[in-house]
Amino acid sequence: KKELEEECDSLSSKIAIIVDRAQDVQAKLSITAEEANTMAGDLKMAKSELDDMNRDAADKARTISELEHKLSDARDQELDAKEQARKHKEELDDALISCDKAKARTKLLQDRV
């Protein structure tokens, strides 16, 4: 009977140790779960911030593209305006030459009369 009591006490002691260890493991798992939840929240926040940055970058890229298009149009208009100005200058030069010729003829005709 004494042996059984000793064996029972030994088993009870071992069970108590196992229970203590199980509680320690459970506490560590609980802490790990909390840390995992915190990390998940941090990751979700970081993803949201990254999504916002990606949207901002896409908006800026669209704006830059629009501005580049407007700049290209403005350059084309500038080239057209320069070409028009060149043509008008040629026409003016031709008109001045014609005018000078007409004046010279008129002077010749007046000198003859």
PDB file of N, CA and C in Angstrom:
ATOM      1  N   LYS A   1       0.827  -1.184   0.000  1.00  0.00           N
ATOM      2  CA  LYS A   1       0.000   0.000   0.000  1.00  0.00           C
ATOM      3  C   LYS A   1       0.871   1.248   0.000  1.00  0.00           C
ATOM      4  N   LYS A   2       1.930   1.208   0.771  1.00  0.00           N
ATOM      5  CA  LYS A   2       2.830   2.345   0.852  1.00  0.00           C
ATOM      6  C   LYS A   2       3.487   2.602  -0.498  1.00  0.00           C
ATOM      7  N   GLU A   3       3.827   1.507  -1.176  1.00  0.00           N
ATOM      8  CA  GLU A   3       4.420   1.640  -2.504  1.00  0.00           C
ATOM      9  C   GLU A   3       3.456   2.301  -3.464  1.00  0.00           C
ATOM     10  N   LEU A   4       2.204   1.912  -3.374  1.00  0.00           N
ATOM     11  CA  LEU A   4       1.193   2.503  -4.244  1.00  0.00           C
ATOM     12  C   LEU A   4       1.037   3.993  -3.951  1.00  0.00           C
ATOM     13  N   GLU A   5       1.072   4.351  -2.663  1.00  0.00           N
ATOM     14  CA  GLU A   5       0.957   5.764  -2.303  1.00  0.00           C
ATOM     15  C   GLU A   5       2.150   6.547  -2.825  1.00  0.00           C
ATOM     16  N   GLU A   6       3.334   5.968  -2.686  1.00  0.00           N
ATOM     17  CA  GLU A   6       4.534   6.642  -3.183  1.00  0.00           C
ATOM     18  C   GLU A   6       4.468   6.794  -4.708  1.00  0.00           C
ATOM     19  N   GLU A   7       4.045   5.713  -5.368  1.00  0.00           N
ATOM     20  CA  GLU A   7       3.930   5.763  -6.821  1.00  0.00           C
ATOM     21  C   GLU A   7       2.870   6.779  -7.231  1.00  0.00           C
ATOM     22  N   CYS A   8       1.777   6.822  -6.472  1.00  0.00           N
ATOM     23  CA  CYS A   8       0.700   7.783  -6.742  1.00  0.00           C
ATOM     24  C   CYS A   8       1.203   9.201  -6.538  1.00  0.00           C
ATOM     25  N   ASP A   9       1.954   9.425  -5.459  1.00  0.00           N
ATOM     26  CA  ASP A   9       2.533  10.748  -5.193  1.00  0.00           C
ATOM     27  C   ASP A   9       3.502  11.146  -6.303  1.00  0.00           C
ATOM     28  N   SER A  10       4.313  10.178  -6.736  1.00  0.00           N
ATOM     29  CA  SER A  10       5.278  10.437  -7.818  1.00  0.00           C
ATOM     30  C   SER A  10       4.547  10.796  -9.098  1.00  0.00           C
ATOM     31  N   LEU A  11       3.512  10.034  -9.391  1.00  0.00           N
ATOM     32  CA  LEU A  11       2.722  10.332 -10.600  1.00  0.00           C
ATOM     33  C   LEU A  11       2.021  11.678 -10.473  1.00  0.00           C
ATOM     34  N   SER A  12       1.506  11.994  -9.304  1.00  0.00           N
ATOM     35  CA  SER A  12       0.848  13.284  -9.077  1.00  0.00           C
ATOM     36  C   SER A  12       1.832  14.413  -9.271  1.00  0.00           C
ATOM     37  N   SER A  13       3.054  14.223  -8.787  1.00  0.00           N
ATOM     38  CA  SER A  13       4.102  15.229  -8.925  1.00  0.00           C
ATOM     39  C   SER A  13       4.443  15.422 -10.402  1.00  0.00           C
ATOM     40  N   LYS A  14       4.570  14.311 -11.118  1.00  0.00           N
ATOM     41  CA  LYS A  14       4.868  14.389 -12.556  1.00  0.00           C
ATOM     42  C   LYS A  14       3.733  15.070 -13.317  1.00  0.00           C
ATOM     43  N   ILE A  15       2.506  14.733 -12.960  1.00  0.00           N
ATOM     44  CA  ILE A  15       1.336  15.350 -13.605  1.00  0.00           C
ATOM     45  C   ILE A  15       1.324  16.855 -13.331  1.00  0.00           C
ATOM     46  N   ALA A  16       1.659  17.247 -12.099  1.00  0.00           N
ATOM     47  CA  ALA A  16       1.696  18.676 -11.744  1.00  0.00           C
ATOM     48  C   ALA A  16       2.745  19.392 -12.591  1.00  0.00           C
ATOM     49  N   ILE A  17       3.898  18.751 -12.783  1.00  0.00           N
ATOM     50  CA  ILE A  17       4.958  19.338 -13.616  1.00  0.00           C
ATOM     51  C   ILE A  17       4.476  19.470 -15.055  1.00  0.00           C
ATOM     52  N   ILE A  18       3.835  18.425 -15.558  1.00  0.00           N
ATOM     53  CA  ILE A  18       3.323  18.444 -16.930  1.00  0.00           C
ATOM     54  C   ILE A  18       2.264  19.535 -17.095  1.00  0.00           C
ATOM     55  N   VAL A  19       1.386  19.666 -16.098  1.00  0.00           N
ATOM     56  CA  VAL A  19       0.354  20.700 -16.138  1.00  0.00           C
ATOM     57  C   VAL A  19       1.002  22.087 -16.141  1.00  0.00           C
ATOM     58  N   ASP A  20       2.018  22.281 -15.282  1.00  0.00           N
ATOM     59  CA  ASP A  20       2.735  23.570 -15.243  1.00  0.00           C
ATOM     60  C   ASP A  20       3.363  23.876 -16.599  1.00  0.00           C
ATOM     61  N   ARG A  21       4.008  22.852 -17.175  1.00  0.00           N
ATOM     62  CA  ARG A  21       4.637  23.058 -18.489  1.00  0.00           C
ATOM     63  C   ARG A  21       3.577  23.366 -19.550  1.00  0.00           C
ATOM     64  N   ALA A  22       2.470  22.674 -19.505  1.00  0.00           N
ATOM     65  CA  ALA A  22       1.382  22.913 -20.467  1.00  0.00           C
ATOM     66  C   ALA A  22       0.858  24.346 -20.324  1.00  0.00           C
ATOM     67  N   GLN A  23       0.741  24.815 -19.080  1.00  0.00           N
ATOM     68  CA  GLN A  23       0.276  26.193 -18.855  1.00  0.00           C
ATOM     69  C   GLN A  23       1.291  27.206 -19.390  1.00  0.00           C
ATOM     70  N   ASP A  24       2.594  26.904 -19.198  1.00  0.00           N
ATOM     71  CA  ASP A  24       3.643  27.781 -19.736  1.00  0.00           C
ATOM     72  C   ASP A  24       3.563  27.838 -21.265  1.00  0.00           C
ATOM     73  N   VAL A  25       3.417  26.652 -21.870  1.00  0.00           N
ATOM     74  CA  VAL A  25       3.317  26.598 -23.339  1.00  0.00           C
ATOM     75  C   VAL A  25       2.078  27.347 -23.813  1.00  0.00           C
ATOM     76  N   GLN A  26       0.966  27.164 -23.103  1.00  0.00           N
ATOM     77  CA  GLN A  26      -0.269  27.851 -23.482  1.00  0.00           C
ATOM     78  C   GLN A  26      -0.099  29.369 -23.355  1.00  0.00           C
ATOM     79  N   ALA A  27       0.572  29.833 -22.314  1.00  0.00           N
ATOM     80  CA  ALA A  27       0.823  31.268 -22.134  1.00  0.00           C
ATOM     81  C   ALA A  27       1.693  31.804 -23.264  1.00  0.00           C
ATOM     82  N   LYS A  28       2.735  31.028 -23.625  1.00  0.00           N
ATOM     83  CA  LYS A  28       3.610  31.446 -24.734  1.00  0.00           C
ATOM     84  C   LYS A  28       2.838  31.480 -26.049  1.00  0.00           C
ATOM     85  N   LEU A  29       1.983  30.477 -26.257  1.00  0.00           N
ATOM     86  CA  LEU A  29       1.163  30.456 -27.482  1.00  0.00           C
ATOM     87  C   LEU A  29       0.204  31.646 -27.526  1.00  0.00           C
ATOM     88  N   SER A  30      -0.331  32.006 -26.383  1.00  0.00           N
ATOM     89  CA  SER A  30      -1.230  33.152 -26.307  1.00  0.00           C
ATOM     90  C   SER A  30      -0.494  34.433 -26.672  1.00  0.00           C
ATOM     91  N   ILE A  31       0.734  34.572 -26.119  1.00  0.00           N
ATOM     92  CA  ILE A  31       1.554  35.747 -26.439  1.00  0.00           C
ATOM     93  C   ILE A  31       1.889  35.751 -27.924  1.00  0.00           C
ATOM     94  N   THR A  32       2.243  34.591 -28.467  1.00  0.00           N
ATOM     95  CA  THR A  32       2.572  34.481 -29.888  1.00  0.00           C
ATOM     96  C   THR A  32       1.359  34.840 -30.754  1.00  0.00           C
ATOM     97  N   ALA A  33       0.186  34.405 -30.339  1.00  0.00           N
ATOM     98  CA  ALA A  33      -1.034  34.730 -31.084  1.00  0.00           C
ATOM     99  C   ALA A  33      -1.287  36.238 -31.063  1.00  0.00           C
ATOM    100  N   GLU A  34      -1.078  36.860 -29.900  1.00  0.00           N
ATOM    101  CA  GLU A  34      -1.247  38.309 -29.806  1.00  0.00           C
ATOM    102  C   GLU A  34      -0.247  39.035 -30.699  1.00  0.00           C
ATOM    103  N   GLU A  35       0.998  38.542 -30.689  1.00  0.00           N
ATOM    104  CA  GLU A  35       2.019  39.142 -31.543  1.00  0.00           C
ATOM    105  C   GLU A  35       1.651  38.974 -33.022  1.00  0.00           C
ATOM    106  N   ALA A  36       1.125  37.806 -33.370  1.00  0.00           N
ATOM    107  CA  ALA A  36       0.713  37.548 -34.753  1.00  0.00           C
ATOM    108  C   ALA A  36      -0.430  38.493 -35.147  1.00  0.00           C
ATOM    109  N   ASN A  37      -1.384  38.690 -34.225  1.00  0.00           N
ATOM    110  CA  ASN A  37      -2.487  39.618 -34.501  1.00  0.00           C
ATOM    111  C   ASN A  37      -1.975  41.045 -34.686  1.00  0.00           C
ATOM    112  N   THR A  38      -1.020  41.430 -33.831  1.00  0.00           N
ATOM    113  CA  THR A  38      -0.431  42.769 -33.943  1.00  0.00           C
ATOM    114  C   THR A  38       0.287  42.913 -35.280  1.00  0.00           C
ATOM    115  N   MET A  39       1.065  41.882 -35.648  1.00  0.00           N
ATOM    116  CA  MET A  39       1.781  41.922 -36.924  1.00  0.00           C
ATOM    117  C   MET A  39       0.800  41.971 -38.089  1.00  0.00           C
ATOM    118  N   ALA A  40      -0.287  41.222 -37.995  1.00  0.00           N
ATOM    119  CA  ALA A  40      -1.294  41.227 -39.061  1.00  0.00           C
ATOM    120  C   ALA A  40      -1.893  42.620 -39.201  1.00  0.00           C
ATOM    121  N   GLY A  41      -2.168  43.255 -38.068  1.00  0.00           N
ATOM    122  CA  GLY A  41      -2.697  44.627 -38.109  1.00  0.00           C
ATOM    123  C   GLY A  41      -1.695  45.594 -38.713  1.00  0.00           C
ATOM    124  N   ASP A  42      -0.426  45.448 -38.330  1.00  0.00           N
ATOM    125  CA  ASP A  42       0.628  46.307 -38.891  1.00  0.00           C
ATOM    126  C   ASP A  42       0.752  46.094 -40.393  1.00  0.00           C
ATOM    127  N   LEU A  43       0.703  44.823 -40.815  1.00  0.00           N
ATOM    128  CA  LEU A  43       0.799  44.519 -42.240  1.00  0.00           C
ATOM    129  C   LEU A  43      -0.390  45.085 -43.011  1.00  0.00           C
ATOM    130  N   LYS A  44      -1.568  44.991 -42.416  1.00  0.00           N
ATOM    131  CA  LYS A  44      -2.764  45.531 -43.071  1.00  0.00           C
ATOM    132  C   LYS A  44      -2.633  47.043 -43.227  1.00  0.00           C
ATOM    133  N   MET A  45      -2.132  47.711 -42.189  1.00  0.00           N
ATOM    134  CA  MET A  45      -1.947  49.157 -42.242  1.00  0.00           C
ATOM    135  C   MET A  45      -0.895  49.520 -43.299  1.00  0.00           C
ATOM    136  N   ALA A  46       0.200  48.760 -43.318  1.00  0.00           N
ATOM    137  CA  ALA A  46       1.262  49.016 -44.297  1.00  0.00           C
ATOM    138  C   ALA A  46       0.740  48.799 -45.719  1.00  0.00           C
ATOM    139  N   LYS A  47      -0.073  47.771 -45.916  1.00  0.00           N
ATOM    140  CA  LYS A  47      -0.652  47.513 -47.242  1.00  0.00           C
ATOM    141  C   LYS A  47      -1.565  48.656 -47.655  1.00  0.00           C
ATOM    142  N   SER A  48      -2.352  49.143 -46.719  1.00  0.00           N
ATOM    143  CA  SER A  48      -3.245  50.263 -47.006  1.00  0.00           C
ATOM    144  C   SER A  48      -2.443  51.504 -47.403  1.00  0.00           C
ATOM    145  N   GLU A  49      -1.358  51.757 -46.665  1.00  0.00           N
ATOM    146  CA  GLU A  49      -0.498  52.904 -46.997  1.00  0.00           C
ATOM    147  C   GLU A  49       0.151  52.711 -48.360  1.00  0.00           C
ATOM    148  N   LEU A  50       0.574  51.493 -48.656  1.00  0.00           N
ATOM    149  CA  LEU A  50       1.174  51.200 -49.961  1.00  0.00           C
ATOM    150  C   LEU A  50       0.151  51.379 -51.077  1.00  0.00           C
ATOM    151  N   ASP A  51      -1.072  50.925 -50.843  1.00  0.00           N
ATOM    152  CA  ASP A  51      -2.142  51.129 -51.828  1.00  0.00           C
ATOM    153  C   ASP A  51      -2.373  52.612 -52.081  1.00  0.00           C
ATOM    154  N   ASP A  52      -2.371  53.405 -51.002  1.00  0.00           N
ATOM    155  CA  ASP A  52      -2.540  54.853 -51.150  1.00  0.00           C
ATOM    156  C   ASP A  52      -1.402  55.447 -51.973  1.00  0.00           C
ATOM    157  N   MET A  53      -0.177  54.996 -51.687  1.00  0.00           N
ATOM    158  CA  MET A  53       0.976  55.508 -52.435  1.00  0.00           C
ATOM    159  C   MET A  53       0.891  55.111 -53.906  1.00  0.00           C
ATOM    160  N   ASN A  54       0.444  53.882 -54.165  1.00  0.00           N
ATOM    161  CA  ASN A  54       0.295  53.429 -55.555  1.00  0.00           C
ATOM    162  C   ASN A  54      -0.755  54.258 -56.285  1.00  0.00           C
ATOM    163  N   ARG A  55      -1.867  54.575 -55.594  1.00  0.00           N
ATOM    164  CA  ARG A  55      -2.901  55.414 -56.213  1.00  0.00           C
ATOM    165  C   ARG A  55      -2.352  56.809 -56.505  1.00  0.00           C
ATOM    166  N   ASP A  56      -1.621  57.359 -55.532  1.00  0.00           N
ATOM    167  CA  ASP A  56      -1.013  58.679 -55.734  1.00  0.00           C
ATOM    168  C   ASP A  56      -0.041  58.654 -56.906  1.00  0.00           C
ATOM    169  N   ALA A  57       0.770  57.605 -56.972  1.00  0.00           N
ATOM    170  CA  ALA A  57       1.746  57.490 -58.061  1.00  0.00           C
ATOM    171  C   ALA A  57       1.030  57.379 -59.406  1.00  0.00           C
ATOM    172  N   ALA A  58      -0.057  56.613 -59.446  1.00  0.00           N
ATOM    173  CA  ALA A  58      -0.816  56.478 -60.696  1.00  0.00           C
ATOM    174  C   ALA A  58      -1.434  57.820 -61.095  1.00  0.00           C
ATOM    175  N   ASP A  59      -1.971  58.548 -60.112  1.00  0.00           N
ATOM    176  CA  ASP A  59      -2.535  59.873 -60.398  1.00  0.00           C
ATOM    177  C   ASP A  59      -1.461  60.817 -60.928  1.00  0.00           C
ATOM    178  N   LYS A  60      -0.290  60.783 -60.299  1.00  0.00           N
ATOM    179  CA  LYS A  60       0.802  61.651 -60.747  1.00  0.00           C
ATOM    180  C   LYS A  60       1.270  61.259 -62.140  1.00  0.00           C
ATOM    181  N   ALA A  61       1.313  59.969 -62.419  1.00  0.00           N
ATOM    182  CA  ALA A  61       1.718  59.504 -63.750  1.00  0.00           C
ATOM    183  C   ALA A  61       0.723  59.986 -64.802  1.00  0.00           C
ATOM    184  N   ARG A  62      -0.586  59.927 -64.472  1.00  0.00           N
ATOM    185  CA  ARG A  62      -1.607  60.430 -65.408  1.00  0.00           C
ATOM    186  C   ARG A  62      -1.442  61.929 -65.620  1.00  0.00           C
ATOM    187  N   THR A  63      -1.202  62.652 -64.536  1.00  0.00           N
ATOM    188  CA  THR A  63      -1.012  64.107 -64.636  1.00  0.00           C
ATOM    189  C   THR A  63       0.208  64.430 -65.486  1.00  0.00           C
ATOM    190  N   ILE A  64       1.300  63.713 -65.267  1.00  0.00           N
ATOM    191  CA  ILE A  64       2.514  63.942 -66.052  1.00  0.00           C
ATOM    192  C   ILE A  64       2.247  63.645 -67.521  1.00  0.00           C
ATOM    193  N   SER A  65       1.544  62.568 -67.792  1.00  0.00           N
ATOM    194  CA  SER A  65       1.225  62.214 -69.175  1.00  0.00           C
ATOM    195  C   SER A  65       0.384  63.314 -69.836  1.00  0.00           C
ATOM    196  N   GLU A  66      -0.600  63.815 -69.105  1.00  0.00           N
ATOM    197  CA  GLU A  66      -1.435  64.897 -69.638  1.00  0.00           C
ATOM    198  C   GLU A  66      -0.601  66.147 -69.902  1.00  0.00           C
ATOM    199  N   LEU A  67       0.294  66.475 -68.962  1.00  0.00           N
ATOM    200  CA  LEU A  67       1.142  67.656 -69.139  1.00  0.00           C
ATOM    201  C   LEU A  67       2.097  67.481 -70.318  1.00  0.00           C
ATOM    202  N   GLU A  68       2.630  66.267 -70.480  1.00  0.00           N
ATOM    203  CA  GLU A  68       3.507  66.009 -71.627  1.00  0.00           C
ATOM    204  C   GLU A  68       2.742  66.169 -72.932  1.00  0.00           C
ATOM    205  N   HIS A  69       1.496  65.704 -72.949  1.00  0.00           N
ATOM    206  CA  HIS A  69       0.661  65.845 -74.149  1.00  0.00           C
ATOM    207  C   HIS A  69       0.401  67.326 -74.446  1.00  0.00           C
ATOM    208  N   LYS A  70       0.077  68.083 -73.398  1.00  0.00           N
ATOM    209  CA  LYS A  70      -0.164  69.520 -73.579  1.00  0.00           C
ATOM    210  C   LYS A  70       1.100  70.225 -74.064  1.00  0.00           C
ATOM    211  N   LEU A  71       2.254  69.834 -73.509  1.00  0.00           N
ATOM    212  CA  LEU A  71       3.528  70.425 -73.924  1.00  0.00           C
ATOM    213  C   LEU A  71       3.804  70.106 -75.391  1.00  0.00           C
ATOM    214  N   SER A  72       3.548  68.882 -75.787  1.00  0.00           N
ATOM    215  CA  SER A  72       3.738  68.481 -77.181  1.00  0.00           C
ATOM    216  C   SER A  72       2.821  69.297 -78.095  1.00  0.00           C
ATOM    217  N   ASP A  73       1.571  69.457 -77.682  1.00  0.00           N
ATOM    218  CA  ASP A  73       0.631  70.273 -78.470  1.00  0.00           C
ATOM    219  C   ASP A  73       1.120  71.709 -78.562  1.00  0.00           C
ATOM    220  N   ALA A  74       1.613  72.239 -77.450  1.00  0.00           N
ATOM    221  CA  ALA A  74       2.102  73.620 -77.442  1.00  0.00           C
ATOM    222  C   ALA A  74       3.312  73.765 -78.368  1.00  0.00           C
ATOM    223  N   ARG A  75       4.187  72.783 -78.372  1.00  0.00           N
ATOM    224  CA  ARG A  75       5.355  72.823 -79.264  1.00  0.00           C
ATOM    225  C   ARG A  75       4.909  72.787 -80.722  1.00  0.00           C
ATOM    226  N   ASP A  76       3.920  71.923 -81.015  1.00  0.00           N
ATOM    227  CA  ASP A  76       3.391  71.857 -82.383  1.00  0.00           C
ATOM    228  C   ASP A  76       2.790  73.201 -82.784  1.00  0.00           C
ATOM    229  N   GLN A  77       2.036  73.805 -81.871  1.00  0.00           N
ATOM    230  CA  GLN A  77       1.435  75.112 -82.167  1.00  0.00           C
ATOM    231  C   GLN A  77       2.516  76.173 -82.369  1.00  0.00           C
ATOM    232  N   GLU A  78       3.580  76.097 -81.570  1.00  0.00           N
ATOM    233  CA  GLU A  78       4.680  77.054 -81.721  1.00  0.00           C
ATOM    234  C   GLU A  78       5.332  76.907 -83.095  1.00  0.00           C
ATOM    235  N   LEU A  79       5.568  75.650 -83.512  1.00  0.00           N
ATOM    236  CA  LEU A  79       6.162  75.410 -84.832  1.00  0.00           C
ATOM    237  C   LEU A  79       5.239  75.923 -85.944  1.00  0.00           C
ATOM    238  N   ASP A  80       3.939  75.686 -85.786  1.00  0.00           N
ATOM    239  CA  ASP A  80       2.973  76.182 -86.774  1.00  0.00           C
ATOM    240  C   ASP A  80       3.000  77.704 -86.825  1.00  0.00           C
ATOM    241  N   ALA A  81       3.051  78.336 -85.650  1.00  0.00           N
ATOM    242  CA  ALA A  81       3.068  79.804 -85.591  1.00  0.00           C
ATOM    243  C   ALA A  81       4.341  80.342 -86.233  1.00  0.00           C
ATOM    244  N   LYS A  82       5.472  79.688 -85.993  1.00  0.00           N
ATOM    245  CA  LYS A  82       6.733  80.128 -86.611  1.00  0.00           C
ATOM    246  C   LYS A  82       6.666  79.990 -88.127  1.00  0.00           C
ATOM    247  N   GLU A  83       6.096  78.887 -88.595  1.00  0.00           N
ATOM    248  CA  GLU A  83       5.955  78.678 -90.041  1.00  0.00           C
ATOM    249  C   GLU A  83       5.044  79.741 -90.645  1.00  0.00           C
ATOM    250  N   GLN A  84       3.947  80.037 -89.962  1.00  0.00           N
ATOM    251  CA  GLN A  84       3.026  81.087 -90.445  1.00  0.00           C
ATOM    252  C   GLN A  84       3.736  82.435 -90.479  1.00  0.00           C
ATOM    253  N   ALA A  85       4.507  82.722 -89.433  1.00  0.00           N
ATOM    254  CA  ALA A  85       5.238  83.995 -89.368  1.00  0.00           C
ATOM    255  C   ALA A  85       6.248  84.074 -90.509  1.00  0.00           C
ATOM    256  N   ARG A  86       6.925  82.954 -90.805  1.00  0.00           N
ATOM    257  CA  ARG A  86       7.891  82.933 -91.905  1.00  0.00           C
ATOM    258  C   ARG A  86       7.190  83.214 -93.232  1.00  0.00           C
ATOM    259  N   LYS A  87       6.028  82.561 -93.435  1.00  0.00           N
ATOM    260  CA  LYS A  87       5.269  82.777 -94.678  1.00  0.00           C
ATOM    261  C   LYS A  87       4.807  84.226 -94.792  1.00  0.00           C
ATOM    262  N   HIS A  88       4.327  84.786 -93.680  1.00  0.00           N
ATOM    263  CA  HIS A  88       3.869  86.186 -93.711  1.00  0.00           C
ATOM    264  C   HIS A  88       5.035  87.133 -94.003  1.00  0.00           C
ATOM    265  N   LYS A  89       6.202  86.810 -93.447  1.00  0.00           N
ATOM    266  CA  LYS A  89       7.381  87.646 -93.709  1.00  0.00           C
ATOM    267  C   LYS A  89       7.744  87.593 -95.185  1.00  0.00           C
ATOM    268  N   GLU A  90       7.693  86.375 -95.752  1.00  0.00           N
ATOM    269  CA  GLU A  90       7.981  86.252 -97.190  1.00  0.00           C
ATOM    270  C   GLU A  90       6.980  87.076 -98.004  1.00  0.00           C
ATOM    271  N   GLU A  91       5.695  86.951 -97.649  1.00  0.00           N
ATOM    272  CA  GLU A  91       4.671  87.710 -98.366  1.00  0.00           C
ATOM    273  C   GLU A  91       4.899  89.213 -98.231  1.00  0.00           C
ATOM    274  N   LEU A  92       5.283  89.645 -97.029  1.00  0.00           N
ATOM    275  CA  LEU A  92       5.559  91.059 -96.794  1.00  0.00           C
ATOM    276  C   LEU A  92       6.765  91.520 -97.600  1.00  0.00           C
ATOM    277  N   ASP A  93       7.816  90.677 -97.585  1.00  0.00           N
ATOM    278  CA  ASP A  93       9.012  91.004 -98.380  1.00  0.00           C
ATOM    279  C   ASP A  93       8.647  91.107 -99.868  1.00  0.00           C
ATOM    280  N   ASP A  94       7.865  90.143-100.352  1.00  0.00           N
ATOM    281  CA  ASP A  94       7.442  90.182-101.758  1.00  0.00           C
ATOM    282  C   ASP A  94       6.614  91.434-102.046  1.00  0.00           C
ATOM    283  N   ALA A  95       5.734  91.775-101.097  1.00  0.00           N
ATOM    284  CA  ALA A  95       4.892  92.970-101.292  1.00  0.00           C
ATOM    285  C   ALA A  95       5.754  94.236-101.291  1.00  0.00           C
ATOM    286  N   LEU A  96       6.747  94.293-100.409  1.00  0.00           N
ATOM    287  CA  LEU A  96       7.637  95.463-100.368  1.00  0.00           C
ATOM    288  C   LEU A  96       8.450  95.582-101.649  1.00  0.00           C
ATOM    289  N   ILE A  97       8.928  94.441-102.147  1.00  0.00           N
ATOM    290  CA  ILE A  97       9.679  94.459-103.411  1.00  0.00           C
ATOM    291  C   ILE A  97       8.774  94.946-104.533  1.00  0.00           C
ATOM    292  N   SER A  98       7.539  94.433-104.586  1.00  0.00           N
ATOM    293  CA  SER A  98       6.578  94.861-105.613  1.00  0.00           C
ATOM    294  C   SER A  98       6.281  96.348-105.483  1.00  0.00           C
ATOM    295  N   CYS A  99       6.151  96.792-104.252  1.00  0.00           N
ATOM    296  CA  CYS A  99       5.875  98.206-104.001  1.00  0.00           C
ATOM    297  C   CYS A  99       7.051  99.059-104.469  1.00  0.00           C
ATOM    298  N   ASP A 100       8.277  98.618-104.146  1.00  0.00           N
ATOM    299  CA  ASP A 100       9.476  99.351-104.578  1.00  0.00           C
ATOM    300  C   ASP A 100       9.552  99.386-106.094  1.00  0.00           C
ATOM    301  N   LYS A 101       9.228  98.254-106.746  1.00  0.00           N
ATOM    302  CA  LYS A 101       9.235  98.215-108.206  1.00  0.00           C
ATOM    303  C   LYS A 101       8.191  99.185-108.769  1.00  0.00           C
ATOM    304  N   ALA A 102       7.008  99.183-108.155  1.00  0.00           N
ATOM    305  CA  ALA A 102       5.939 100.070-108.625  1.00  0.00           C
ATOM    306  C   ALA A 102       6.343 101.528-108.459  1.00  0.00           C
ATOM    307  N   LYS A 103       6.987 101.832-107.336  1.00  0.00           N
ATOM    308  CA  LYS A 103       7.449 103.205-107.108  1.00  0.00           C
ATOM    309  C   LYS A 103       8.501 103.595-108.148  1.00  0.00           C
ATOM    310  N   ALA A 104       9.416 102.656-108.406  1.00  0.00           N
ATOM    311  CA  ALA A 104      10.471 102.941-109.396  1.00  0.00           C
ATOM    312  C   ALA A 104       9.862 103.162-110.771  1.00  0.00           C
ATOM    313  N   ARG A 105       8.893 102.373-111.188  1.00  0.00           N
ATOM    314  CA  ARG A 105       8.220 102.545-112.490  1.00  0.00           C
ATOM    315  C   ARG A 105       7.469 103.871-112.546  1.00  0.00           C
ATOM    316  N   THR A 106       6.793 104.131-111.415  1.00  0.00           N
ATOM    317  CA  THR A 106       6.048 105.401-111.374  1.00  0.00           C
ATOM    318  C   THR A 106       7.004 106.566-111.522  1.00  0.00           C
ATOM    319  N   LYS A 107       8.149 106.502-110.857  1.00  0.00           N
ATOM    320  CA  LYS A 107       9.142 107.586-110.940  1.00  0.00           C
ATOM    321  C   LYS A 107       9.671 107.700-112.365  1.00  0.00           C
ATOM    322  N   LEU A 108       9.943 106.530-112.988  1.00  0.00           N
ATOM    323  CA  LEU A 108      10.418 106.555-114.377  1.00  0.00           C
ATOM    324  C   LEU A 108       9.378 107.185-115.292  1.00  0.00           C
ATOM    325  N   LEU A 109       8.137 106.817-115.095  1.00  0.00           N
ATOM    326  CA  LEU A 109       7.060 107.357-115.927  1.00  0.00           C
ATOM    327  C   LEU A 109       6.907 108.857-115.694  1.00  0.00           C
ATOM    328  N   GLN A 110       7.054 109.265-114.443  1.00  0.00           N
ATOM    329  CA  GLN A 110       6.921 110.695-114.136  1.00  0.00           C
ATOM    330  C   GLN A 110       8.104 111.475-114.753  1.00  0.00           C
ATOM    331  N   ASP A 111       9.279 110.851-114.705  1.00  0.00           N
ATOM    332  CA  ASP A 111      10.457 111.520-115.255  1.00  0.00           C
ATOM    333  C   ASP A 111      10.327 111.650-116.784  1.00  0.00           C
ATOM    334  N   ARG A 112       9.658 110.734-117.445  1.00  0.00           N
ATOM    335  CA  ARG A 112       9.466 110.772-118.883  1.00  0.00           C
ATOM    336  C   ARG A 112       8.448 111.841-119.285  1.00  0.00           C
ATOM    337  N   VAL A 113       7.536 112.062-118.423  1.00  0.00           N
ATOM    338  CA  VAL A 113       6.448 112.995-118.771  1.00  0.00           C
ATOM    339  C   VAL A 113       6.865 114.389-118.616  1.00  0.00           C
TER     340      VAL A 113
END
